[in-house]
Amino acid sequence: MPLALSFRDRVDTEVRGQAQGQAAVVATSASDLIVPPRPRVLERLARVSAATVRGRVIVVDRRGRLLADSADVPPGESYADRPEIAGALDGEDEQISRESATLGEEILATAVPVV
């Protein structure tokens, strides 16, 4: 039993680290694509990054409005009320496990501010 728990914890730590690293890469790459706006390139960045992390990737503006989404959601919707986005909008890296109302399951949400 302790071996199984140790392995699960190690895998969880690796997944969290990969998500944090990929979020930092997306944030760094997106910084040059927001002003002036380059929506097609932002969309491609989100899709390629999503394939790498096997999850959804979004980019929002400083008010939390969607700019790019790997799930092909059109720009403009506000994500500012999501806790991980709110943290990033305050300038903090955020990583939380939370229930997704849309998916009906727990997700790992990672957000990094675009500087």
Protein backbone atom coordinates (compact mmCIF):
# COMPACT_ATOMS: atom_id res chain seq x y z
CA MET A 1 0.00 0.00 0.00
CA PRO A 2 2.66 2.65 0.82
CA LEU A 3 4.43 1.93 -2.49
CA ALA A 4 1.21 2.55 -4.43
CA LEU A 5 0.59 5.82 -2.60
CA SER A 6 4.17 6.95 -3.19
CA PHE A 7 3.91 6.22 -6.92
CA ARG A 8 0.57 8.04 -7.18
CA ASP A 9 2.01 11.05 -5.36
CA ARG A 10 5.03 11.10 -7.67
CA VAL A 11 2.86 10.94 -10.77
CA ASP A 12 0.64 13.71 -9.38
CA THR A 13 3.69 15.87 -8.69
CA GLU A 14 5.02 15.29 -12.23
CA VAL A 15 1.67 16.15 -13.82
CA ARG A 16 1.42 19.34 -11.76
CA GLY A 17 4.98 20.31 -12.68
CA GLN A 18 4.40 19.70 -16.39
CA ALA A 19 1.19 21.74 -16.32
CA GLN A 20 2.94 24.60 -14.53
CA GLY A 21 5.84 24.54 -16.98
CA GLN A 22 3.60 24.47 -20.04
CA ALA A 23 1.47 27.31 -18.65
CA ALA A 24 4.63 29.39 -18.23
CA VAL A 25 5.65 28.65 -21.83
CA VAL A 26 2.20 29.65 -23.12
CA ALA A 27 2.22 32.86 -21.06
CA THR A 28 5.68 33.81 -22.31
CA SER A 29 4.79 33.02 -25.93
CA ALA A 30 1.44 34.82 -25.72
CA SER A 31 2.92 38.06 -24.42
CA ASP A 32 4.13 39.03 -27.92
CA LEU A 33 0.85 37.99 -29.56
CA ILE A 34 -1.63 40.05 -27.55
CA VAL A 35 -0.48 43.59 -28.45
CA PRO A 36 -0.78 44.04 -31.33
CA PRO A 37 -3.40 41.29 -31.45
CA ARG A 38 -2.52 38.21 -33.49
CA PRO A 39 -5.60 36.02 -32.92
CA ARG A 40 -4.74 33.27 -35.42
CA VAL A 41 -1.31 32.74 -33.95
CA LEU A 42 -2.79 32.77 -30.41
CA GLU A 43 -5.30 30.11 -31.45
CA ARG A 44 -2.50 27.96 -32.91
CA LEU A 45 -0.47 28.41 -29.71
CA ALA A 46 -3.45 27.26 -27.62
CA ARG A 47 -4.10 24.18 -29.83
CA VAL A 48 -0.45 23.07 -29.97
CA SER A 49 -0.03 23.57 -26.22
CA ALA A 50 -3.24 21.66 -25.49
CA ALA A 51 -1.95 18.68 -27.45
CA THR A 52 1.27 18.78 -25.44
CA VAL A 53 -0.47 18.79 -22.05
CA ARG A 54 -3.45 16.71 -23.17
CA GLY A 55 -5.84 19.31 -21.80
CA ARG A 56 -7.57 22.55 -22.61
CA VAL A 57 -5.55 25.75 -22.98
CA ILE A 58 -7.03 29.24 -22.97
CA VAL A 59 -5.56 32.73 -23.17
CA VAL A 60 -7.45 35.65 -21.67
CA ASP A 61 -6.88 39.40 -21.65
CA ARG A 62 -6.25 41.50 -18.53
CA ARG A 63 -10.01 41.57 -17.78
CA GLY A 64 -10.38 37.78 -18.09
CA ARG A 65 -12.06 37.84 -21.50
CA LEU A 66 -11.22 34.94 -23.77
CA LEU A 67 -8.73 35.65 -26.57
CA ALA A 68 -7.90 32.07 -27.66
CA ASP A 69 -9.17 28.61 -26.76
CA SER A 70 -7.94 25.19 -27.81
CA ALA A 71 -11.56 23.98 -27.56
CA ASP A 72 -12.63 26.36 -30.37
CA VAL A 73 -14.81 28.52 -28.10
CA PRO A 74 -15.21 31.93 -29.78
CA PRO A 75 -13.37 34.87 -28.18
CA GLY A 76 -15.09 37.32 -25.84
CA GLU A 77 -16.53 35.19 -23.03
CA SER A 78 -15.42 36.19 -19.53
CA TYR A 79 -13.48 33.68 -17.44
CA ALA A 80 -12.63 36.20 -14.71
CA ASP A 81 -14.80 34.41 -12.14
CA ARG A 82 -12.83 31.17 -12.32
CA PRO A 83 -10.53 31.00 -9.28
CA GLU A 84 -7.38 30.12 -11.21
CA ILE A 85 -7.97 32.94 -13.71
CA ALA A 86 -8.72 35.43 -10.91
CA GLY A 87 -5.39 34.56 -9.31
CA ALA A 88 -3.48 35.01 -12.56
CA LEU A 89 -5.23 38.35 -13.16
CA ASP A 90 -3.91 39.40 -9.74
CA GLY A 91 -0.39 38.54 -10.93
CA GLU A 92 -0.04 35.18 -9.19
CA ASP A 93 0.64 31.70 -10.58
CA GLU A 94 -2.33 29.52 -9.63
CA GLN A 95 -2.77 25.77 -9.65
CA ILE A 96 -5.83 24.19 -8.10
CA SER A 97 -7.85 21.03 -8.31
CA ARG A 98 -11.52 21.89 -8.61
CA GLU A 99 -14.79 20.50 -9.85
CA SER A 100 -15.61 21.53 -13.41
CA ALA A 101 -19.30 22.38 -13.75
CA THR A 102 -19.07 21.84 -17.52
CA LEU A 103 -17.31 18.48 -17.40
CA GLY A 104 -18.84 17.22 -14.16
CA GLU A 105 -15.47 16.01 -12.87
CA GLU A 106 -12.43 17.22 -11.00
CA ILE A 107 -9.80 19.02 -13.06
CA LEU A 108 -6.33 20.41 -12.44
CA ALA A 109 -6.47 24.08 -13.41
CA THR A 110 -3.22 25.97 -13.87
CA ALA A 111 -2.99 29.67 -14.71
CA VAL A 112 0.01 31.94 -15.14
CA PRO A 113 -0.12 35.70 -15.76
CA VAL A 114 1.00 36.97 -19.15
CA VAL A 115 3.63 39.64 -18.56
